[in-house]
Amino acid sequence: MADKKNLDLVVGLFILAGFFSFVYLSVNLGEFSPFSTKRQYQVHAEFGSISGLRRGAVVEIAGVAVGRVARIELGQRQRALVTMYIDREVELTDDAIASIKTQGIIGEKYISITPGGSDMVLADGDWLMETESALDLEELVSKYIFGGV
């Protein structure tokens, strides 16, 4: 009878260890971890068009991932408001330019930030004022084929 209780205890501990391992991996490898937001700060930007950009998209500077898109919503002026989480060790200046780019011809959309030369560093919750909207390839092809109709 003692062997049965010991076996039940070992199996129970094994299941608990597996459960906690699953929770740990889910939190740390997920798109947005509650722990990663402490190592990041929030920056907002407003775009005329974000065609194809999705929540969780990468934010890059010089091809290096420095953050993720946290939220996308429609603003009061019918423009797209994008909230990004940027790594704390990356300092963005108030004249940095946020552009929506495509990886390859038909790849995923991401935000590329071109650093500025200003001495004013953005703080948590600040806005990037200079933005370049997504290039809509279908619209360009349509204008070329149909002559701007």
Foldseek 3Di string as FASTA:
>chain_A
DVVVVVVVVVVVVVVVVVVVVVVVCCQVVPLHHPVVLVQWFKEKEWAQAAVQADFSAFEEEPPDGFWTWHDWDQDPVRIIMIMIIGGPVDWAALAKEWEWDADPDPHHIHIYIYGDDDPHTDDHPYYNYHYHYDDDPVVVVCCVVVVHD
